[in-house]
Amino acid sequence: MKDRSMKDVQQPDSRTPEQIRRSRNRVLALSLAAFVVLVFLISMAKMG
């Protein structure tokens, strides 16, 4: 029988679906904001 390490064992997620959704939305919002800032900075660099 294989010896399983702790990282191989899946821990049940204690967060509610609402908390998971909110967390995912926050990551998406931050990613979109970072993309917008990046496009803005590149545009300003090309114009200037």
C-alpha atoms as a PDB file:
ATOM      1  CA  MET A   1       0.000   0.000   0.000  1.00  0.00           C
ATOM      2  CA  LYS A   2       1.237   3.478  -0.868  1.00  0.00           C
ATOM      3  CA  ASP A   3       2.177   5.902   1.860  1.00  0.00           C
ATOM      4  CA  ARG A   4       0.243   9.128   1.246  1.00  0.00           C
ATOM      5  CA  SER A   5       1.733  12.453   2.250  1.00  0.00           C
ATOM      6  CA  MET A   6      -0.417  15.202   3.750  1.00  0.00           C
ATOM      7  CA  LYS A   7      -0.539  17.201   0.517  1.00  0.00           C
ATOM      8  CA  ASP A   8      -2.086  14.272  -1.373  1.00  0.00           C
ATOM      9  CA  VAL A   9      -5.079  14.111   0.964  1.00  0.00           C
ATOM     10  CA  GLN A  10      -7.877  16.487  -0.053  1.00  0.00           C
ATOM     11  CA  GLN A  11      -9.208  18.529   2.838  1.00  0.00           C
ATOM     12  CA  PRO A  12     -12.922  19.333   2.689  1.00  0.00           C
ATOM     13  CA  ASP A  13     -13.479  23.044   2.049  1.00  0.00           C
ATOM     14  CA  SER A  14     -15.156  24.578   5.090  1.00  0.00           C
ATOM     15  CA  ARG A  15     -16.145  27.729   3.183  1.00  0.00           C
ATOM     16  CA  THR A  16     -19.691  28.188   1.985  1.00  0.00           C
ATOM     17  CA  PRO A  17     -20.401  28.481  -1.762  1.00  0.00           C
ATOM     18  CA  GLU A  18     -21.104  32.192  -1.185  1.00  0.00           C
ATOM     19  CA  GLN A  19     -17.627  32.710   0.324  1.00  0.00           C
ATOM     20  CA  ILE A  20     -15.981  30.769  -2.504  1.00  0.00           C
ATOM     21  CA  ARG A  21     -17.874  32.810  -5.109  1.00  0.00           C
ATOM     22  CA  ARG A  22     -16.964  36.080  -3.398  1.00  0.00           C
ATOM     23  CA  SER A  23     -13.309  35.101  -3.240  1.00  0.00           C
ATOM     24  CA  ARG A  24     -13.257  34.106  -6.923  1.00  0.00           C
ATOM     25  CA  ASN A  25     -14.988  37.364  -7.903  1.00  0.00           C
ATOM     26  CA  ARG A  26     -12.433  39.367  -5.924  1.00  0.00           C
ATOM     27  CA  VAL A  27      -9.566  37.652  -7.754  1.00  0.00           C
ATOM     28  CA  LEU A  28     -11.245  38.270 -11.129  1.00  0.00           C
ATOM     29  CA  ALA A  29     -11.834  41.945 -10.274  1.00  0.00           C
ATOM     30  CA  LEU A  30      -8.216  42.456  -9.214  1.00  0.00           C
ATOM     31  CA  SER A  31      -6.978  40.697 -12.362  1.00  0.00           C
ATOM     32  CA  LEU A  32      -9.168  42.885 -14.567  1.00  0.00           C
ATOM     33  CA  ALA A  33      -8.031  46.046 -12.762  1.00  0.00           C
ATOM     34  CA  ALA A  34      -4.379  45.045 -13.169  1.00  0.00           C
ATOM     35  CA  PHE A  35      -4.956  44.440 -16.885  1.00  0.00           C
ATOM     36  CA  VAL A  36      -6.613  47.850 -17.313  1.00  0.00           C
ATOM     37  CA  VAL A  37      -3.728  49.581 -15.519  1.00  0.00           C
ATOM     38  CA  LEU A  38      -1.216  47.696 -17.661  1.00  0.00           C
ATOM     39  CA  VAL A  39      -2.964  48.684 -20.907  1.00  0.00           C
ATOM     40  CA  PHE A  40      -3.159  52.302 -19.693  1.00  0.00           C
ATOM     41  CA  LEU A  41       0.546  52.420 -18.841  1.00  0.00           C
ATOM     42  CA  ILE A  42       1.556  50.863 -22.166  1.00  0.00           C
ATOM     43  CA  SER A  43      -0.664  53.335 -24.025  1.00  0.00           C
ATOM     44  CA  MET A  44       0.852  56.279 -22.159  1.00  0.00           C
ATOM     45  CA  ALA A  45       4.381  55.013 -22.861  1.00  0.00           C
ATOM     46  CA  LYS A  46       3.670  54.702 -26.592  1.00  0.00           C
ATOM     47  CA  MET A  47       2.168  58.204 -26.790  1.00  0.00           C
ATOM     48  CA  GLY A  48       4.881  59.895 -24.779  1.00  0.00           C
END
